Amino acid sequence: MNQLACPKCHKPLMLDGKTYKCEDHHSYDISKRGYINLLLNPDKSKNNPGDSKESLIARKAYLNTGHYDPILNEVVNYIKAHQKEHMEILDLGCGEGYYTYRMKQLLGNDHTYYGLDISKEAINMATRYDKDIHWIVGNSKNIPINDHSLDVITALFTVVNKDEIARTLKEDGYMIHVTANRGHLIEIKHLIYDEVKVKSDKFIRLPFEVLESYDFKKTISIPKREDALNLLKMTPHYYHIKKEKRSVLDTLQGLDVTIDLRITVYRP
């Protein structure tokens, strides 16, 4: 049984044919691609929120090279070390679905998996990986999941809402939060910015019990120009390149880049 909840009244959703319904008679059809759209108009800042199609295509192409699998493995290894029988796992801000799909591959089919993103285009792409995952268009500020029903939430490079995290996790549940440190992709930053600014990370730290927190740093080699361009295009940095720096894209070849992350496991 899934743990989907109505985004309007927050009561459980039950599947009736190809439609999810709650007891207050709110209903949501499953799309032809197999996802469910639980994003309410008030939860959208624009008509097509989330990452652009160009960014999502680049992200899918880059992630499928496996260059970022060391990050995925850190997350999966923690879940494996604390694995229980049948878990409810939500990948928050799942994008085009690679991490969610690979988590299921590595952790097995005994758990229930949910991938949520605000971008309809992203979720549409995600359905091509695995139709047995519950792919949801939704907002992290109004997670359409029943109260205290999740064992694990993963959040890789995405903004989270502390109140919704606390509401949806079980008492013994936890969230794995992957955030960028100042040295993350520093080589790319030096290529495109005149000055690399350091932002404080205090606003992304959550007021929860910390079960584990550590820095993960690794240099990876990206020999192909195409992969290096896709890495750049899937980050916000690509859209901040000034006109006078656009020539960097023409001369960009393979790169050695630094992965520099903080991995924090929280329990509300």
Protein backbone atom coordinates (compact mmCIF):
# COMPACT_ATOMS: atom_id res chain seq x y z
CA MET A 1 0.00 0.00 0.00
CA ASN A 2 1.37 3.41 -0.94
CA GLN A 3 1.52 6.39 1.42
CA LEU A 4 0.30 9.06 -0.99
CA ALA A 5 -1.79 11.87 0.53
CA CYS A 6 -4.08 14.45 -1.00
CA PRO A 7 -2.24 17.78 -1.33
CA LYS A 8 -5.50 19.66 -0.62
CA CYS A 9 -6.83 17.99 2.54
CA HIS A 10 -3.83 15.74 3.42
CA LYS A 11 -6.02 12.66 3.77
CA PRO A 12 -4.81 9.32 2.33
CA LEU A 13 -5.22 8.71 -1.37
CA MET A 14 -6.62 5.38 -2.51
CA LEU A 15 -6.25 3.98 -6.01
CA ASP A 16 -9.50 3.44 -7.89
CA GLY A 17 -8.76 2.17 -11.39
CA LYS A 18 -6.38 4.77 -12.83
CA THR A 19 -7.42 7.53 -10.43
CA TYR A 20 -6.32 8.35 -6.90
CA LYS A 21 -9.11 9.58 -4.62
CA CYS A 22 -9.41 10.74 -1.02
CA GLU A 23 -12.45 10.55 1.23
CA ASP A 24 -13.19 14.22 0.52
CA HIS A 25 -13.64 13.29 -3.15
CA HIS A 26 -10.56 15.05 -4.47
CA SER A 27 -9.26 13.00 -7.39
CA TYR A 28 -6.05 12.80 -9.42
CA ASP A 29 -5.60 10.77 -12.59
CA ILE A 30 -2.49 8.77 -13.35
CA SER A 31 -0.91 10.16 -16.52
CA LYS A 32 -0.29 8.08 -19.63
CA ARG A 33 3.39 8.07 -18.66
CA GLY A 34 2.52 6.60 -15.24
CA TYR A 35 3.17 9.55 -12.92
CA ILE A 36 0.71 11.43 -10.71
CA ASN A 37 0.51 15.22 -10.68
CA LEU A 38 -0.11 16.41 -7.10
CA LEU A 39 1.17 19.94 -7.60
CA LEU A 40 -1.47 22.51 -6.74
CA ASN A 41 -1.62 25.85 -8.55
CA PRO A 42 -0.94 27.81 -5.31
CA ASP A 43 2.26 25.77 -4.91
CA LYS A 44 3.59 26.91 -8.30
CA SER A 45 5.53 30.14 -8.73
CA LYS A 46 5.16 29.91 -12.53
CA ASN A 47 3.48 27.72 -15.13
CA ASN A 48 6.46 25.39 -15.61
CA PRO A 49 8.48 25.45 -12.40
CA GLY A 50 11.72 23.57 -11.87
CA ASP A 51 14.77 22.96 -14.02
CA SER A 52 14.70 23.74 -17.73
CA LYS A 53 14.43 20.95 -20.28
CA GLU A 54 17.98 21.71 -21.48
CA SER A 55 19.32 21.32 -17.95
CA LEU A 56 17.40 18.07 -17.38
CA ILE A 57 18.65 16.52 -20.63
CA ALA A 58 22.22 17.46 -19.70
CA ARG A 59 21.76 16.06 -16.20
CA LYS A 60 20.45 12.75 -17.49
CA ALA A 61 23.29 12.41 -19.99
CA TYR A 62 25.94 13.30 -17.41
CA LEU A 63 24.62 11.17 -14.53
CA ASN A 64 24.34 8.14 -16.79
CA THR A 65 28.11 8.27 -17.35
CA GLY A 66 28.50 7.22 -13.70
CA HIS A 67 30.84 10.10 -12.84
CA TYR A 68 28.63 11.06 -9.86
CA ASP A 69 28.02 7.50 -8.67
CA PRO A 70 30.50 7.96 -5.77
CA ILE A 71 27.95 10.41 -4.30
CA LEU A 72 25.09 7.98 -4.81
CA ASN A 73 27.13 5.19 -3.20
CA GLU A 74 27.65 7.24 -0.02
CA VAL A 75 23.88 7.61 0.35
CA VAL A 76 23.10 3.98 -0.48
CA ASN A 77 25.79 2.63 1.85
CA TYR A 78 24.26 4.47 4.81
CA ILE A 79 20.79 3.13 4.00
CA LYS A 80 22.18 -0.40 3.61
CA ALA A 81 23.91 -0.18 6.99
CA HIS A 82 20.59 0.78 8.63
CA GLN A 83 18.25 -1.21 6.43
CA LYS A 84 15.00 -2.61 7.78
CA GLU A 85 12.40 -4.90 6.29
CA HIS A 86 10.22 -3.02 3.83
CA MET A 87 10.99 0.67 3.98
CA GLU A 88 9.18 3.67 2.52
CA ILE A 89 11.85 5.79 0.76
CA LEU A 90 11.30 9.25 -0.76
CA ASP A 91 13.84 10.92 -3.03
CA LEU A 92 13.05 14.61 -2.69
CA GLY A 93 13.85 16.85 -5.66
CA CYS A 94 14.54 13.74 -7.73
CA GLY A 95 14.93 15.62 -11.03
CA GLU A 96 14.93 13.30 -14.02
CA GLY A 97 15.07 10.27 -11.73
CA TYR A 98 18.57 8.78 -12.06
CA TYR A 99 19.40 8.68 -8.35
CA THR A 100 15.97 7.27 -7.41
CA TYR A 101 16.21 4.58 -10.07
CA ARG A 102 19.74 3.58 -9.08
CA MET A 103 18.81 3.53 -5.37
CA LYS A 104 16.12 0.99 -6.14
CA GLN A 105 18.56 -1.07 -8.19
CA LEU A 106 21.11 -1.13 -5.37
CA LEU A 107 18.72 -1.53 -2.42
CA GLY A 108 16.32 -3.99 -4.01
CA ASN A 109 12.62 -4.34 -4.71
CA ASP A 110 11.47 -5.05 -1.14
CA HIS A 111 10.98 -1.34 -0.40
CA THR A 112 8.53 1.27 -1.72
CA TYR A 113 10.14 4.14 -3.59
CA TYR A 114 8.84 7.64 -4.31
CA GLY A 115 10.47 10.29 -6.51
CA LEU A 116 9.13 13.84 -6.16
CA ASP A 117 10.01 16.92 -8.17
CA ILE A 118 8.26 20.20 -8.93
CA SER A 119 9.11 19.88 -12.63
CA LYS A 120 6.55 18.01 -14.72
CA GLU A 121 9.15 17.62 -17.46
CA ALA A 122 11.58 16.03 -15.01
CA ILE A 123 9.04 13.51 -13.74
CA ASN A 124 7.95 12.70 -17.28
CA MET A 125 11.58 11.83 -18.04
CA ALA A 126 11.91 9.85 -14.81
CA THR A 127 9.12 7.43 -15.75
CA ARG A 128 11.38 6.07 -18.49
CA TYR A 129 13.69 4.57 -15.85
CA ASP A 130 11.24 2.48 -13.83
CA LYS A 131 7.45 2.59 -13.83
CA ASP A 132 7.19 0.75 -10.48
CA ILE A 133 8.52 3.81 -8.65
CA HIS A 134 5.84 6.28 -7.53
CA TRP A 135 6.79 9.32 -9.62
CA ILE A 136 5.14 12.48 -8.30
CA VAL A 137 4.93 16.05 -9.53
CA GLY A 138 4.77 17.99 -6.28
CA ASN A 139 6.24 20.68 -4.03
CA SER A 140 8.66 20.00 -1.18
CA LYS A 141 6.75 22.63 0.84
CA ASN A 142 3.61 20.49 0.59
CA ILE A 143 4.78 16.88 0.31
CA PRO A 144 1.80 14.69 -0.70
CA ILE A 145 2.71 11.89 1.69
CA ASN A 146 0.88 10.72 4.83
CA ASP A 147 2.05 11.94 8.24
CA HIS A 148 4.91 9.96 9.82
CA SER A 149 4.94 7.28 7.13
CA LEU A 150 8.45 7.51 5.65
CA ASP A 151 11.51 5.61 6.85
CA VAL A 152 14.00 7.52 4.70
CA ILE A 153 14.11 10.80 2.82
CA THR A 154 17.04 11.51 0.52
CA ALA A 155 17.72 15.08 -0.62
CA LEU A 156 20.65 15.45 -3.01
CA PHE A 157 21.43 19.06 -3.99
CA THR A 158 17.90 20.24 -3.29
CA VAL A 159 16.14 22.67 -0.99
CA VAL A 160 14.06 21.10 1.78
CA ASN A 161 11.31 22.29 4.09
CA LYS A 162 12.03 21.38 7.71
CA ASP A 163 8.36 21.28 8.75
CA GLU A 164 7.45 18.86 5.98
CA ILE A 165 10.47 16.67 6.73
CA ALA A 166 9.41 16.44 10.39
CA ARG A 167 5.78 15.76 9.44
CA THR A 168 6.39 12.94 6.95
CA LEU A 169 9.19 10.97 8.65
CA LYS A 170 8.46 8.19 11.12
CA GLU A 171 9.65 8.62 14.69
CA ASP A 172 12.74 6.56 13.93
CA GLY A 173 13.04 7.79 10.33
CA TYR A 174 15.90 9.91 9.00
CA MET A 175 16.87 12.20 6.13
CA ILE A 176 20.15 12.10 4.21
CA HIS A 177 20.98 15.62 3.01
CA VAL A 178 23.76 16.10 0.43
CA THR A 179 24.91 19.71 0.07
CA ALA A 180 27.80 21.39 -1.74
CA ASN A 181 30.83 22.71 0.14
CA ARG A 182 32.78 25.76 -1.03
CA GLY A 183 35.25 23.68 -3.03
CA HIS A 184 32.62 21.78 -5.01
CA LEU A 185 33.34 22.07 -8.76
CA ILE A 186 35.87 24.79 -7.95
CA GLU A 187 37.63 24.25 -11.29
CA ILE A 188 34.46 25.15 -13.19
CA LYS A 189 33.88 28.20 -11.01
CA HIS A 190 37.38 29.49 -11.75
CA LEU A 191 36.72 29.07 -15.48
CA ILE A 192 33.60 31.18 -15.61
CA TYR A 193 33.76 33.68 -12.71
CA ASP A 194 36.14 36.61 -12.25
CA GLU A 195 35.83 36.12 -8.51
CA VAL A 196 34.66 32.96 -6.72
CA LYS A 197 32.40 34.01 -3.88
CA VAL A 198 31.94 31.88 -0.79
CA LYS A 199 28.40 31.64 0.58
CA SER A 200 27.56 30.72 4.15
CA ASP A 201 25.88 27.34 4.52
CA LYS A 202 24.15 28.15 7.81
CA PHE A 203 20.80 28.61 6.07
CA ILE A 204 20.74 25.05 4.74
CA ARG A 205 21.57 23.41 8.08
CA LEU A 206 18.47 21.98 9.74
CA PRO A 207 17.45 22.21 13.42
CA PHE A 208 17.30 18.43 13.85
CA GLU A 209 19.29 15.80 15.70
CA VAL A 210 22.41 14.98 13.66
CA LEU A 211 23.01 11.24 13.47
CA GLU A 212 26.05 11.58 11.24
CA SER A 213 27.81 14.39 9.39
CA TYR A 214 30.97 14.28 7.34
CA ASP A 215 32.70 15.86 4.34
CA PHE A 216 33.13 13.84 1.19
CA LYS A 217 35.83 15.03 -1.19
CA LYS A 218 37.06 13.38 -4.37
CA THR A 219 38.67 14.40 -7.66
CA ILE A 220 37.09 12.89 -10.73
CA SER A 221 38.40 12.87 -14.28
CA ILE A 222 36.02 13.78 -17.10
CA PRO A 223 37.92 13.07 -20.31
CA LYS A 224 35.17 13.86 -22.83
CA ARG A 225 34.26 17.43 -23.80
CA GLU A 226 30.59 16.45 -24.15
CA ASP A 227 30.44 15.17 -20.57
CA ALA A 228 32.19 18.26 -19.23
CA LEU A 229 29.66 20.48 -21.03
CA ASN A 230 26.75 18.44 -19.67
CA LEU A 231 28.10 18.79 -16.14
CA LEU A 232 28.25 22.55 -16.59
CA LYS A 233 24.77 22.72 -18.16
CA MET A 234 23.17 20.82 -15.28
CA THR A 235 24.42 23.37 -12.75
CA PRO A 236 23.19 26.94 -12.15
CA HIS A 237 26.69 28.15 -13.08
CA TYR A 238 25.99 27.63 -16.78
CA TYR A 239 23.21 30.21 -16.70
CA HIS A 240 25.41 32.77 -14.94
CA ILE A 241 28.17 32.87 -17.54
CA LYS A 242 28.77 36.43 -18.73
CA LYS A 243 28.97 37.17 -22.46
CA GLU A 244 32.69 37.84 -22.30
CA LYS A 245 33.20 34.39 -20.77
CA ARG A 246 31.13 32.43 -23.31
CA SER A 247 34.28 31.59 -25.27
CA VAL A 248 35.08 29.14 -22.44
CA LEU A 249 32.43 26.83 -23.88
CA ASP A 250 34.22 26.70 -27.24
CA THR A 251 37.59 25.84 -25.73
CA LEU A 252 36.37 23.54 -22.96
CA GLN A 253 37.95 20.11 -23.13
CA GLY A 254 38.06 17.27 -20.60
CA LEU A 255 38.37 18.29 -16.97
CA ASP A 256 39.50 17.06 -13.61
CA VAL A 257 36.92 18.41 -11.15
CA THR A 258 36.55 18.33 -7.40
CA ILE A 259 33.53 16.84 -5.68
CA ASP A 260 33.36 18.56 -2.28
CA LEU A 261 30.23 17.80 -0.27
CA ARG A 262 28.76 17.65 3.21
CA ILE A 263 26.65 14.57 3.89
CA THR A 264 24.40 15.00 6.90
CA VAL A 265 21.96 12.49 8.33
CA TYR A 266 19.18 14.11 10.35
CA ARG A 267 16.48 12.77 12.63
CA PRO A 268 13.74 15.30 13.45
